[in-house]
Amino acid sequence: INAEYMGESCRNLYEMICVECGYPVNDVYREFSKGNIRLTRCDHCGKYADKYVEYELVIIFLDLILLKSQVYRHILFNQMPYQERGIDVNIIKTAIGAVVLD
């Protein structure tokens, strides 16, 4: 979470970020009924906050191989549980996988 966009008191409100611009967002989609979701647009850039919510794992994996920064933001910020301290094991695995594939 980028601290320049928000004050210290707002830190817990924003646990996800826009994968396009990195701006904090409250949620990346809204669920109206089971299986019926609508993607949220970012207030800062106007694009979908996280388009990878609807993508299949194969597409996400291909974008990882292509080193697209948006998919890394999706995995690191919008899929992993938020932690104040420490590095999650899955982040370390993702980083090692990216280095090996590079």
N, C-alpha and C. Protein backbone atom coordinates (compact mmCIF):
# COMPACT_ATOMS: atom_id res chain seq x y z
N ILE A 1 0.85 -1.18 0.00
CA ILE A 1 0.00 0.00 0.00
C ILE A 1 0.89 1.23 0.00
N ASN A 2 0.60 2.14 -0.88
CA ASN A 2 1.41 3.33 -1.05
C ASN A 2 0.94 4.39 -0.06
N ALA A 3 1.80 4.76 0.89
CA ALA A 3 1.41 5.67 1.97
C ALA A 3 1.23 7.11 1.49
N GLU A 4 1.73 7.47 0.29
CA GLU A 4 1.59 8.85 -0.16
C GLU A 4 0.15 9.18 -0.54
N TYR A 5 -0.67 8.17 -0.83
CA TYR A 5 -2.05 8.41 -1.23
C TYR A 5 -3.00 8.56 -0.05
N MET A 6 -2.57 8.15 1.14
CA MET A 6 -3.50 8.16 2.26
C MET A 6 -2.78 8.42 3.56
N GLY A 7 -3.53 8.85 4.55
CA GLY A 7 -2.98 9.08 5.87
C GLY A 7 -2.86 7.79 6.64
N GLU A 8 -2.20 7.85 7.76
CA GLU A 8 -1.99 6.67 8.59
C GLU A 8 -3.31 6.10 9.11
N SER A 9 -4.31 6.94 9.36
CA SER A 9 -5.58 6.47 9.90
C SER A 9 -6.40 5.70 8.87
N CYS A 10 -6.14 5.89 7.58
CA CYS A 10 -6.91 5.22 6.54
C CYS A 10 -6.28 3.91 6.09
N ARG A 11 -5.18 3.52 6.67
CA ARG A 11 -4.43 2.36 6.21
C ARG A 11 -5.28 1.09 6.19
N ASN A 12 -6.14 0.86 7.17
CA ASN A 12 -6.92 -0.37 7.22
C ASN A 12 -8.10 -0.36 6.26
N LEU A 13 -8.53 0.81 5.77
CA LEU A 13 -9.64 0.86 4.83
C LEU A 13 -9.24 0.33 3.46
N TYR A 14 -8.01 0.57 3.07
CA TYR A 14 -7.53 0.19 1.74
C TYR A 14 -6.59 -1.00 1.86
N GLU A 15 -7.10 -2.18 1.52
CA GLU A 15 -6.25 -3.35 1.56
C GLU A 15 -5.89 -3.82 0.16
N MET A 16 -6.49 -3.25 -0.87
CA MET A 16 -6.22 -3.63 -2.24
C MET A 16 -5.80 -2.41 -3.04
N ILE A 17 -5.17 -2.67 -4.19
CA ILE A 17 -4.73 -1.56 -5.04
C ILE A 17 -5.22 -1.79 -6.46
N CYS A 18 -5.27 -0.72 -7.22
CA CYS A 18 -5.54 -0.80 -8.65
C CYS A 18 -4.31 -1.40 -9.31
N VAL A 19 -4.49 -2.43 -10.14
CA VAL A 19 -3.34 -3.06 -10.77
C VAL A 19 -2.75 -2.20 -11.88
N GLU A 20 -3.50 -1.22 -12.37
CA GLU A 20 -3.03 -0.37 -13.45
C GLU A 20 -2.15 0.78 -12.95
N CYS A 21 -2.59 1.46 -11.87
CA CYS A 21 -1.86 2.65 -11.42
C CYS A 21 -1.30 2.53 -10.01
N GLY A 22 -1.71 1.52 -9.25
CA GLY A 22 -1.20 1.33 -7.89
C GLY A 22 -1.93 2.13 -6.83
N TYR A 23 -2.99 2.82 -7.20
CA TYR A 23 -3.76 3.62 -6.26
C TYR A 23 -4.60 2.71 -5.37
N PRO A 24 -4.69 2.97 -4.07
CA PRO A 24 -5.49 2.12 -3.18
C PRO A 24 -6.99 2.18 -3.50
N VAL A 25 -7.65 1.03 -3.44
CA VAL A 25 -9.09 0.94 -3.65
C VAL A 25 -9.71 0.12 -2.53
N ASN A 26 -10.99 0.36 -2.27
CA ASN A 26 -11.69 -0.39 -1.23
C ASN A 26 -11.96 -1.83 -1.63
N ASP A 27 -12.37 -2.04 -2.88
CA ASP A 27 -12.62 -3.39 -3.37
C ASP A 27 -12.37 -3.41 -4.87
N VAL A 28 -12.17 -4.59 -5.42
CA VAL A 28 -11.90 -4.70 -6.85
C VAL A 28 -13.13 -5.19 -7.62
N TYR A 29 -14.12 -5.71 -6.90
CA TYR A 29 -15.38 -6.09 -7.54
C TYR A 29 -16.48 -6.08 -6.49
N ARG A 30 -17.72 -6.06 -7.00
CA ARG A 30 -18.90 -6.17 -6.13
C ARG A 30 -19.69 -7.38 -6.56
N GLU A 31 -20.13 -8.17 -5.60
CA GLU A 31 -20.91 -9.37 -5.90
C GLU A 31 -22.38 -9.08 -5.61
N PHE A 32 -23.21 -9.19 -6.65
CA PHE A 32 -24.64 -8.93 -6.51
C PHE A 32 -25.40 -10.19 -6.13
N SER A 33 -25.02 -11.30 -6.68
CA SER A 33 -25.56 -12.60 -6.31
C SER A 33 -24.48 -13.63 -6.61
N LYS A 34 -24.71 -14.86 -6.26
CA LYS A 34 -23.68 -15.87 -6.45
C LYS A 34 -23.31 -15.99 -7.93
N GLY A 35 -22.04 -15.74 -8.23
CA GLY A 35 -21.56 -15.82 -9.60
C GLY A 35 -21.80 -14.58 -10.43
N ASN A 36 -22.47 -13.57 -9.89
CA ASN A 36 -22.76 -12.34 -10.61
C ASN A 36 -21.96 -11.21 -9.99
N ILE A 37 -20.83 -10.87 -10.62
CA ILE A 37 -19.98 -9.81 -10.08
C ILE A 37 -19.84 -8.69 -11.10
N ARG A 38 -19.45 -7.53 -10.60
CA ARG A 38 -19.16 -6.38 -11.45
C ARG A 38 -17.84 -5.79 -11.00
N LEU A 39 -16.92 -5.62 -11.94
CA LEU A 39 -15.61 -5.08 -11.61
C LEU A 39 -15.73 -3.61 -11.24
N THR A 40 -14.92 -3.18 -10.30
CA THR A 40 -14.92 -1.79 -9.83
C THR A 40 -13.90 -1.00 -10.64
N ARG A 41 -14.25 0.22 -10.99
CA ARG A 41 -13.31 1.12 -11.68
C ARG A 41 -12.52 1.93 -10.65
N CYS A 42 -11.28 2.19 -10.98
CA CYS A 42 -10.40 2.99 -10.11
C CYS A 42 -10.80 4.46 -10.21
N ASP A 43 -10.88 5.14 -9.09
CA ASP A 43 -11.21 6.56 -9.08
C ASP A 43 -10.07 7.41 -9.63
N HIS A 44 -8.85 6.89 -9.57
CA HIS A 44 -7.68 7.67 -9.98
C HIS A 44 -7.44 7.60 -11.49
N CYS A 45 -7.43 6.39 -12.08
CA CYS A 45 -7.11 6.26 -13.50
C CYS A 45 -8.32 5.95 -14.38
N GLY A 46 -9.43 5.51 -13.79
CA GLY A 46 -10.64 5.23 -14.54
C GLY A 46 -10.70 3.85 -15.17
N LYS A 47 -9.65 3.05 -15.04
CA LYS A 47 -9.64 1.69 -15.58
C LYS A 47 -10.17 0.73 -14.53
N TYR A 48 -10.39 -0.53 -14.93
CA TYR A 48 -10.82 -1.53 -13.97
C TYR A 48 -9.73 -1.73 -12.93
N ALA A 49 -10.12 -1.79 -11.67
CA ALA A 49 -9.15 -1.87 -10.57
C ALA A 49 -8.33 -3.15 -10.63
N ASP A 50 -8.97 -4.28 -10.97
CA ASP A 50 -8.24 -5.55 -11.07
C ASP A 50 -8.95 -6.45 -12.08
N LYS A 51 -8.51 -6.37 -13.32
CA LYS A 51 -9.12 -7.16 -14.39
C LYS A 51 -8.83 -8.64 -14.25
N TYR A 52 -7.81 -8.99 -13.48
CA TYR A 52 -7.41 -10.39 -13.34
C TYR A 52 -8.35 -11.21 -12.46
N VAL A 53 -9.32 -10.58 -11.83
CA VAL A 53 -10.31 -11.30 -11.04
C VAL A 53 -11.10 -12.26 -11.92
N GLU A 54 -11.37 -11.85 -13.15
CA GLU A 54 -12.16 -12.67 -14.08
C GLU A 54 -11.31 -13.59 -14.96
N TYR A 55 -9.99 -13.46 -14.93
CA TYR A 55 -9.13 -14.23 -15.82
C TYR A 55 -8.89 -15.64 -15.28
N GLU A 56 -8.70 -16.57 -16.20
CA GLU A 56 -8.35 -17.94 -15.85
C GLU A 56 -6.88 -17.99 -15.41
N LEU A 57 -6.54 -19.03 -14.66
CA LEU A 57 -5.17 -19.18 -14.16
C LEU A 57 -4.14 -19.29 -15.28
N VAL A 58 -4.51 -19.87 -16.41
CA VAL A 58 -3.58 -20.00 -17.53
C VAL A 58 -3.19 -18.62 -18.06
N ILE A 59 -4.17 -17.74 -18.18
CA ILE A 59 -3.89 -16.37 -18.66
C ILE A 59 -3.02 -15.63 -17.66
N ILE A 60 -3.31 -15.80 -16.38
CA ILE A 60 -2.50 -15.16 -15.34
C ILE A 60 -1.07 -15.67 -15.40
N PHE A 61 -0.91 -16.97 -15.57
CA PHE A 61 0.42 -17.56 -15.66
C PHE A 61 1.17 -17.04 -16.89
N LEU A 62 0.49 -16.92 -18.03
CA LEU A 62 1.14 -16.39 -19.23
C LEU A 62 1.59 -14.94 -19.03
N ASP A 63 0.76 -14.14 -18.36
CA ASP A 63 1.15 -12.76 -18.08
C ASP A 63 2.32 -12.70 -17.10
N LEU A 64 2.40 -13.68 -16.19
CA LEU A 64 3.58 -13.76 -15.31
C LEU A 64 4.84 -14.02 -16.12
N ILE A 65 4.74 -14.92 -17.07
CA ILE A 65 5.90 -15.22 -17.93
C ILE A 65 6.30 -14.00 -18.74
N LEU A 66 5.31 -13.22 -19.18
CA LEU A 66 5.58 -12.01 -19.96
C LEU A 66 6.01 -10.83 -19.10
N LEU A 67 6.09 -11.06 -17.78
CA LEU A 67 6.56 -10.06 -16.81
C LEU A 67 5.72 -8.78 -16.81
N LYS A 68 4.40 -8.93 -16.89
CA LYS A 68 3.51 -7.77 -16.83
C LYS A 68 3.37 -7.34 -15.37
N SER A 69 3.59 -6.08 -15.12
CA SER A 69 3.56 -5.57 -13.75
C SER A 69 2.17 -5.65 -13.13
N GLN A 70 1.12 -5.57 -13.96
CA GLN A 70 -0.23 -5.62 -13.44
C GLN A 70 -0.54 -6.97 -12.78
N VAL A 71 -0.08 -8.06 -13.36
CA VAL A 71 -0.36 -9.37 -12.80
C VAL A 71 0.41 -9.57 -11.49
N TYR A 72 1.59 -8.99 -11.38
CA TYR A 72 2.33 -9.08 -10.12
C TYR A 72 1.62 -8.28 -9.03
N ARG A 73 1.07 -7.13 -9.37
CA ARG A 73 0.28 -6.36 -8.39
C ARG A 73 -0.96 -7.14 -7.97
N HIS A 74 -1.59 -7.82 -8.92
CA HIS A 74 -2.77 -8.63 -8.61
C HIS A 74 -2.42 -9.72 -7.60
N ILE A 75 -1.33 -10.41 -7.82
CA ILE A 75 -0.95 -11.52 -6.94
C ILE A 75 -0.46 -11.02 -5.59
N LEU A 76 0.41 -10.02 -5.60
CA LEU A 76 1.05 -9.59 -4.36
C LEU A 76 0.14 -8.75 -3.47
N PHE A 77 -0.71 -7.93 -4.05
CA PHE A 77 -1.53 -7.02 -3.25
C PHE A 77 -2.99 -7.44 -3.12
N ASN A 78 -3.57 -8.02 -4.16
CA ASN A 78 -5.00 -8.29 -4.14
C ASN A 78 -5.35 -9.75 -3.87
N GLN A 79 -4.39 -10.63 -3.88
CA GLN A 79 -4.66 -12.04 -3.60
C GLN A 79 -4.09 -12.48 -2.26
N MET A 80 -2.99 -11.92 -1.86
CA MET A 80 -2.35 -12.28 -0.59
C MET A 80 -3.01 -11.51 0.55
N PRO A 81 -3.13 -12.13 1.71
CA PRO A 81 -3.67 -11.40 2.87
C PRO A 81 -2.71 -10.28 3.28
N TYR A 82 -3.28 -9.15 3.68
CA TYR A 82 -2.48 -7.98 4.06
C TYR A 82 -1.73 -8.23 5.36
N GLN A 83 -0.44 -7.89 5.39
CA GLN A 83 0.38 -8.04 6.58
C GLN A 83 1.12 -6.73 6.83
N GLU A 84 1.22 -6.35 8.07
CA GLU A 84 1.98 -5.16 8.42
C GLU A 84 3.48 -5.44 8.39
N ARG A 85 3.87 -6.66 8.76
CA ARG A 85 5.29 -6.97 8.87
C ARG A 85 5.58 -8.33 8.25
N GLY A 86 6.82 -8.50 7.85
CA GLY A 86 7.27 -9.78 7.34
C GLY A 86 6.92 -10.00 5.88
N ILE A 87 7.53 -11.02 5.31
CA ILE A 87 7.30 -11.37 3.92
C ILE A 87 6.61 -12.72 3.88
N ASP A 88 5.51 -12.79 3.19
CA ASP A 88 4.76 -14.03 3.06
C ASP A 88 5.57 -15.03 2.24
N VAL A 89 5.45 -16.30 2.57
CA VAL A 89 6.18 -17.36 1.87
C VAL A 89 5.80 -17.40 0.40
N ASN A 90 4.53 -17.14 0.09
CA ASN A 90 4.09 -17.15 -1.31
C ASN A 90 4.74 -16.05 -2.13
N ILE A 91 5.03 -14.93 -1.51
CA ILE A 91 5.71 -13.85 -2.21
C ILE A 91 7.14 -14.27 -2.55
N ILE A 92 7.80 -14.93 -1.63
CA ILE A 92 9.15 -15.41 -1.88
C ILE A 92 9.15 -16.44 -3.01
N LYS A 93 8.18 -17.35 -3.01
CA LYS A 93 8.07 -18.35 -4.07
C LYS A 93 7.82 -17.68 -5.43
N THR A 94 6.96 -16.67 -5.45
CA THR A 94 6.68 -15.96 -6.70
C THR A 94 7.93 -15.26 -7.22
N ALA A 95 8.67 -14.63 -6.32
CA ALA A 95 9.90 -13.93 -6.72
C ALA A 95 10.93 -14.92 -7.28
N ILE A 96 11.09 -16.05 -6.62
CA ILE A 96 12.05 -17.05 -7.11
C ILE A 96 11.60 -17.59 -8.46
N GLY A 97 10.30 -17.84 -8.62
CA GLY A 97 9.79 -18.30 -9.90
C GLY A 97 10.01 -17.28 -11.00
N ALA A 98 9.84 -16.01 -10.70
CA ALA A 98 10.06 -14.95 -11.69
C ALA A 98 11.52 -14.88 -12.11
N VAL A 99 12.42 -15.03 -11.15
CA VAL A 99 13.85 -15.00 -11.48
C VAL A 99 14.23 -16.21 -12.32
N VAL A 100 13.70 -17.38 -11.98
CA VAL A 100 14.01 -18.59 -12.75
C VAL A 100 13.47 -18.47 -14.16
N LEU A 101 12.25 -17.96 -14.32
CA LEU A 101 11.66 -17.83 -15.65
C LEU A 101 12.30 -16.72 -16.47
N ASP A 102 12.89 -15.77 -15.81
CA ASP A 102 13.55 -14.67 -16.53
C ASP A 102 14.85 -15.17 -17.07
